[in-house]
Amino acid sequence: DLEPFTALNPSAENLAKYFYDQANLKLDQVSRGRVRVKNVTVYETDTTTATYSD
């Protein structure tokens, strides 16, 4: 298992939030707050997705 998913269920919903948070953290650092992720969609199958936005 990989952190942070040793304590957190690696569901599509949790993966979407994790990638959203991590991408925004990095973008904030390099763009000084001028760029941010709008949403992240994780595909479980061709017809099942989880989207996270803030």
PDB file of N, CA and C in Angstrom:
ATOM      1  N   ASP A   1       0.832  -1.199   0.000  1.00  0.00           N
ATOM      2  CA  ASP A   1       0.000   0.000   0.000  1.00  0.00           C
ATOM      3  C   ASP A   1       0.870   1.253   0.000  1.00  0.00           C
ATOM      4  N   LEU A   2       0.343   2.294  -0.605  1.00  0.00           N
ATOM      5  CA  LEU A   2       1.047   3.568  -0.693  1.00  0.00           C
ATOM      6  C   LEU A   2       0.373   4.606   0.188  1.00  0.00           C
ATOM      7  N   GLU A   3       1.188   5.493   0.742  1.00  0.00           N
ATOM      8  CA  GLU A   3       0.638   6.620   1.488  1.00  0.00           C
ATOM      9  C   GLU A   3      -0.078   7.538   0.508  1.00  0.00           C
ATOM     10  N   PRO A   4      -1.153   8.175   0.831  1.00  0.00           N
ATOM     11  CA  PRO A   4      -1.850   8.179   2.107  1.00  0.00           C
ATOM     12  C   PRO A   4      -2.896   7.079   2.218  1.00  0.00           C
ATOM     13  N   PHE A   5      -2.858   6.119   1.311  1.00  0.00           N
ATOM     14  CA  PHE A   5      -3.932   5.134   1.231  1.00  0.00           C
ATOM     15  C   PHE A   5      -3.724   3.920   2.129  1.00  0.00           C
ATOM     16  N   THR A   6      -2.724   3.980   3.005  1.00  0.00           N
ATOM     17  CA  THR A   6      -2.604   2.931   4.015  1.00  0.00           C
ATOM     18  C   THR A   6      -3.657   3.136   5.095  1.00  0.00           C
ATOM     19  N   ALA A   7      -4.065   4.385   5.286  1.00  0.00           N
ATOM     20  CA  ALA A   7      -5.092   4.697   6.279  1.00  0.00           C
ATOM     21  C   ALA A   7      -6.399   5.133   5.629  1.00  0.00           C
ATOM     22  N   LEU A   8      -6.363   5.433   4.347  1.00  0.00           N
ATOM     23  CA  LEU A   8      -7.527   5.947   3.626  1.00  0.00           C
ATOM     24  C   LEU A   8      -7.896   4.968   2.521  1.00  0.00           C
ATOM     25  N   ASN A   9      -9.174   4.670   2.397  1.00  0.00           N
ATOM     26  CA  ASN A   9      -9.650   3.763   1.357  1.00  0.00           C
ATOM     27  C   ASN A   9      -9.326   4.344  -0.024  1.00  0.00           C
ATOM     28  N   PRO A  10      -8.643   3.591  -0.896  1.00  0.00           N
ATOM     29  CA  PRO A  10      -8.292   4.121  -2.218  1.00  0.00           C
ATOM     30  C   PRO A  10      -9.450   4.058  -3.217  1.00  0.00           C
ATOM     31  N   SER A  11     -10.588   4.567  -2.806  1.00  0.00           N
ATOM     32  CA  SER A  11     -11.752   4.617  -3.695  1.00  0.00           C
ATOM     33  C   SER A  11     -11.528   5.685  -4.759  1.00  0.00           C
ATOM     34  N   ALA A  12     -12.301   5.641  -5.812  1.00  0.00           N
ATOM     35  CA  ALA A  12     -12.192   6.650  -6.865  1.00  0.00           C
ATOM     36  C   ALA A  12     -12.447   8.046  -6.309  1.00  0.00           C
ATOM     37  N   GLU A  13     -13.380   8.152  -5.369  1.00  0.00           N
ATOM     38  CA  GLU A  13     -13.686   9.455  -4.764  1.00  0.00           C
ATOM     39  C   GLU A  13     -12.481   9.995  -3.994  1.00  0.00           C
ATOM     40  N   ASN A  14     -11.854   9.138  -3.199  1.00  0.00           N
ATOM     41  CA  ASN A  14     -10.689   9.570  -2.425  1.00  0.00           C
ATOM     42  C   ASN A  14      -9.491   9.856  -3.324  1.00  0.00           C
ATOM     43  N   LEU A  15      -9.321   9.074  -4.371  1.00  0.00           N
ATOM     44  CA  LEU A  15      -8.244   9.341  -5.326  1.00  0.00           C
ATOM     45  C   LEU A  15      -8.443  10.689  -6.008  1.00  0.00           C
ATOM     46  N   ALA A  16      -9.665  10.991  -6.423  1.00  0.00           N
ATOM     47  CA  ALA A  16      -9.948  12.268  -7.086  1.00  0.00           C
ATOM     48  C   ALA A  16      -9.628  13.435  -6.166  1.00  0.00           C
ATOM     49  N   LYS A  17     -10.039  13.355  -4.917  1.00  0.00           N
ATOM     50  CA  LYS A  17      -9.749  14.438  -3.960  1.00  0.00           C
ATOM     51  C   LYS A  17      -8.254  14.560  -3.711  1.00  0.00           C
ATOM     52  N   TYR A  18      -7.574  13.439  -3.548  1.00  0.00           N
ATOM     53  CA  TYR A  18      -6.128  13.455  -3.308  1.00  0.00           C
ATOM     54  C   TYR A  18      -5.393  14.120  -4.475  1.00  0.00           C
ATOM     55  N   PHE A  19      -5.698  13.701  -5.706  1.00  0.00           N
ATOM     56  CA  PHE A  19      -5.035  14.288  -6.871  1.00  0.00           C
ATOM     57  C   PHE A  19      -5.377  15.767  -7.022  1.00  0.00           C
ATOM     58  N   TYR A  20      -6.612  16.132  -6.737  1.00  0.00           N
ATOM     59  CA  TYR A  20      -7.038  17.534  -6.778  1.00  0.00           C
ATOM     60  C   TYR A  20      -6.210  18.362  -5.793  1.00  0.00           C
ATOM     61  N   ASP A  21      -6.148  17.893  -4.551  1.00  0.00           N
ATOM     62  CA  ASP A  21      -5.408  18.620  -3.511  1.00  0.00           C
ATOM     63  C   ASP A  21      -3.923  18.724  -3.844  1.00  0.00           C
ATOM     64  N   GLN A  22      -3.320  17.622  -4.268  1.00  0.00           N
ATOM     65  CA  GLN A  22      -1.890  17.619  -4.572  1.00  0.00           C
ATOM     66  C   GLN A  22      -1.568  18.508  -5.771  1.00  0.00           C
ATOM     67  N   ALA A  23      -2.378  18.440  -6.803  1.00  0.00           N
ATOM     68  CA  ALA A  23      -2.143  19.275  -7.984  1.00  0.00           C
ATOM     69  C   ALA A  23      -2.275  20.752  -7.640  1.00  0.00           C
ATOM     70  N   ASN A  24      -3.289  21.106  -6.861  1.00  0.00           N
ATOM     71  CA  ASN A  24      -3.463  22.508  -6.485  1.00  0.00           C
ATOM     72  C   ASN A  24      -2.341  22.994  -5.584  1.00  0.00           C
ATOM     73  N   LEU A  25      -1.839  22.145  -4.719  1.00  0.00           N
ATOM     74  CA  LEU A  25      -0.715  22.514  -3.859  1.00  0.00           C
ATOM     75  C   LEU A  25       0.510  22.854  -4.711  1.00  0.00           C
ATOM     76  N   LYS A  26       0.825  22.007  -5.665  1.00  0.00           N
ATOM     77  CA  LYS A  26       1.988  22.244  -6.531  1.00  0.00           C
ATOM     78  C   LYS A  26       1.777  23.459  -7.431  1.00  0.00           C
ATOM     79  N   LEU A  27       0.593  23.583  -8.005  1.00  0.00           N
ATOM     80  CA  LEU A  27       0.318  24.730  -8.875  1.00  0.00           C
ATOM     81  C   LEU A  27       0.380  26.042  -8.110  1.00  0.00           C
ATOM     82  N   ASP A  28      -0.093  26.050  -6.885  1.00  0.00           N
ATOM     83  CA  ASP A  28      -0.039  27.256  -6.062  1.00  0.00           C
ATOM     84  C   ASP A  28       1.412  27.679  -5.833  1.00  0.00           C
ATOM     85  N   GLN A  29       2.274  26.702  -5.624  1.00  0.00           N
ATOM     86  CA  GLN A  29       3.691  26.994  -5.388  1.00  0.00           C
ATOM     87  C   GLN A  29       4.356  27.587  -6.627  1.00  0.00           C
ATOM     88  N   VAL A  30       4.098  27.012  -7.786  1.00  0.00           N
ATOM     89  CA  VAL A  30       4.803  27.465  -8.992  1.00  0.00           C
ATOM     90  C   VAL A  30       4.148  28.662  -9.673  1.00  0.00           C
ATOM     91  N   SER A  31       2.859  28.886  -9.434  1.00  0.00           N
ATOM     92  CA  SER A  31       2.177  29.999 -10.108  1.00  0.00           C
ATOM     93  C   SER A  31       1.840  31.141  -9.159  1.00  0.00           C
ATOM     94  N   ARG A  32       2.236  31.002  -7.899  1.00  0.00           N
ATOM     95  CA  ARG A  32       1.926  32.007  -6.875  1.00  0.00           C
ATOM     96  C   ARG A  32       0.435  32.320  -6.818  1.00  0.00           C
ATOM     97  N   GLY A  33      -0.380  31.248  -6.922  1.00  0.00           N
ATOM     98  CA  GLY A  33      -1.820  31.383  -6.761  1.00  0.00           C
ATOM     99  C   GLY A  33      -2.588  31.774  -8.010  1.00  0.00           C
ATOM    100  N   ARG A  34      -1.915  31.896  -9.145  1.00  0.00           N
ATOM    101  CA  ARG A  34      -2.595  32.343 -10.368  1.00  0.00           C
ATOM    102  C   ARG A  34      -3.258  31.214 -11.148  1.00  0.00           C
ATOM    103  N   VAL A  35      -2.861  29.966 -10.859  1.00  0.00           N
ATOM    104  CA  VAL A  35      -3.398  28.815 -11.589  1.00  0.00           C
ATOM    105  C   VAL A  35      -3.893  27.796 -10.581  1.00  0.00           C
ATOM    106  N   ARG A  36      -5.047  27.185 -10.889  1.00  0.00           N
ATOM    107  CA  ARG A  36      -5.558  26.133 -10.022  1.00  0.00           C
ATOM    108  C   ARG A  36      -6.343  25.121 -10.835  1.00  0.00           C
ATOM    109  N   VAL A  37      -6.489  23.939 -10.282  1.00  0.00           N
ATOM    110  CA  VAL A  37      -7.264  22.877 -10.915  1.00  0.00           C
ATOM    111  C   VAL A  37      -8.737  23.136 -10.651  1.00  0.00           C
ATOM    112  N   LYS A  38      -9.565  23.009 -11.668  1.00  0.00           N
ATOM    113  CA  LYS A  38     -11.007  23.200 -11.504  1.00  0.00           C
ATOM    114  C   LYS A  38     -11.658  21.941 -10.954  1.00  0.00           C
ATOM    115  N   ASN A  39     -11.319  20.781 -11.519  1.00  0.00           N
ATOM    116  CA  ASN A  39     -11.857  19.515 -11.022  1.00  0.00           C
ATOM    117  C   ASN A  39     -10.980  18.366 -11.488  1.00  0.00           C
ATOM    118  N   VAL A  40     -11.142  17.233 -10.845  1.00  0.00           N
ATOM    119  CA  VAL A  40     -10.434  16.005 -11.212  1.00  0.00           C
ATOM    120  C   VAL A  40     -11.469  14.905 -11.346  1.00  0.00           C
ATOM    121  N   THR A  41     -11.392  14.157 -12.436  1.00  0.00           N
ATOM    122  CA  THR A  41     -12.278  13.017 -12.655  1.00  0.00           C
ATOM    123  C   THR A  41     -11.436  11.753 -12.744  1.00  0.00           C
ATOM    124  N   VAL A  42     -11.816  10.751 -11.958  1.00  0.00           N
ATOM    125  CA  VAL A  42     -11.155   9.448 -11.972  1.00  0.00           C
ATOM    126  C   VAL A  42     -12.137   8.451 -12.561  1.00  0.00           C
ATOM    127  N   TYR A  43     -11.678   7.707 -13.549  1.00  0.00           N
ATOM    128  CA  TYR A  43     -12.511   6.688 -14.194  1.00  0.00           C
ATOM    129  C   TYR A  43     -12.233   5.333 -13.562  1.00  0.00           C
ATOM    130  N   GLU A  44     -13.286   4.712 -13.025  1.00  0.00           N
ATOM    131  CA  GLU A  44     -13.171   3.339 -12.522  1.00  0.00           C
ATOM    132  C   GLU A  44     -13.370   2.350 -13.671  1.00  0.00           C
ATOM    133  N   THR A  45     -14.334   2.644 -14.512  1.00  0.00           N
ATOM    134  CA  THR A  45     -14.621   1.849 -15.710  1.00  0.00           C
ATOM    135  C   THR A  45     -14.979   2.831 -16.819  1.00  0.00           C
ATOM    136  N   ASP A  46     -15.384   2.317 -17.959  1.00  0.00           N
ATOM    137  CA  ASP A  46     -15.799   3.189 -19.063  1.00  0.00           C
ATOM    138  C   ASP A  46     -17.035   4.010 -18.726  1.00  0.00           C
ATOM    139  N   THR A  47     -17.831   3.541 -17.786  1.00  0.00           N
ATOM    140  CA  THR A  47     -19.093   4.216 -17.470  1.00  0.00           C
ATOM    141  C   THR A  47     -19.200   4.684 -16.024  1.00  0.00           C
ATOM    142  N   THR A  48     -18.183   4.448 -15.209  1.00  0.00           N
ATOM    143  CA  THR A  48     -18.230   4.829 -13.798  1.00  0.00           C
ATOM    144  C   THR A  48     -17.090   5.789 -13.485  1.00  0.00           C
ATOM    145  N   THR A  49     -17.460   6.979 -12.972  1.00  0.00           N
ATOM    146  CA  THR A  49     -16.455   7.985 -12.644  1.00  0.00           C
ATOM    147  C   THR A  49     -16.723   8.588 -11.277  1.00  0.00           C
ATOM    148  N   ALA A  50     -15.701   9.247 -10.758  1.00  0.00           N
ATOM    149  CA  ALA A  50     -15.834  10.061  -9.550  1.00  0.00           C
ATOM    150  C   ALA A  50     -15.147  11.385  -9.852  1.00  0.00           C
ATOM    151  N   THR A  51     -15.847  12.485  -9.607  1.00  0.00           N
ATOM    152  CA  THR A  51     -15.298  13.816  -9.858  1.00  0.00           C
ATOM    153  C   THR A  51     -15.243  14.586  -8.559  1.00  0.00           C
ATOM    154  N   TYR A  52     -14.109  15.287  -8.353  1.00  0.00           N
ATOM    155  CA  TYR A  52     -13.975  16.150  -7.179  1.00  0.00           C
ATOM    156  C   TYR A  52     -13.707  17.563  -7.656  1.00  0.00           C
ATOM    157  N   SER A  53     -14.430  18.520  -7.067  1.00  0.00           N
ATOM    158  CA  SER A  53     -14.181  19.942  -7.299  1.00  0.00           C
ATOM    159  C   SER A  53     -14.475  20.669  -6.005  1.00  0.00           C
ATOM    160  N   ASP A  54     -13.880  21.832  -5.871  1.00  0.00           N
ATOM    161  CA  ASP A  54     -14.052  22.589  -4.630  1.00  0.00           C
ATOM    162  C   ASP A  54     -14.670  23.931  -4.937  1.00  0.00           C
TER     163      ASP A  54
END
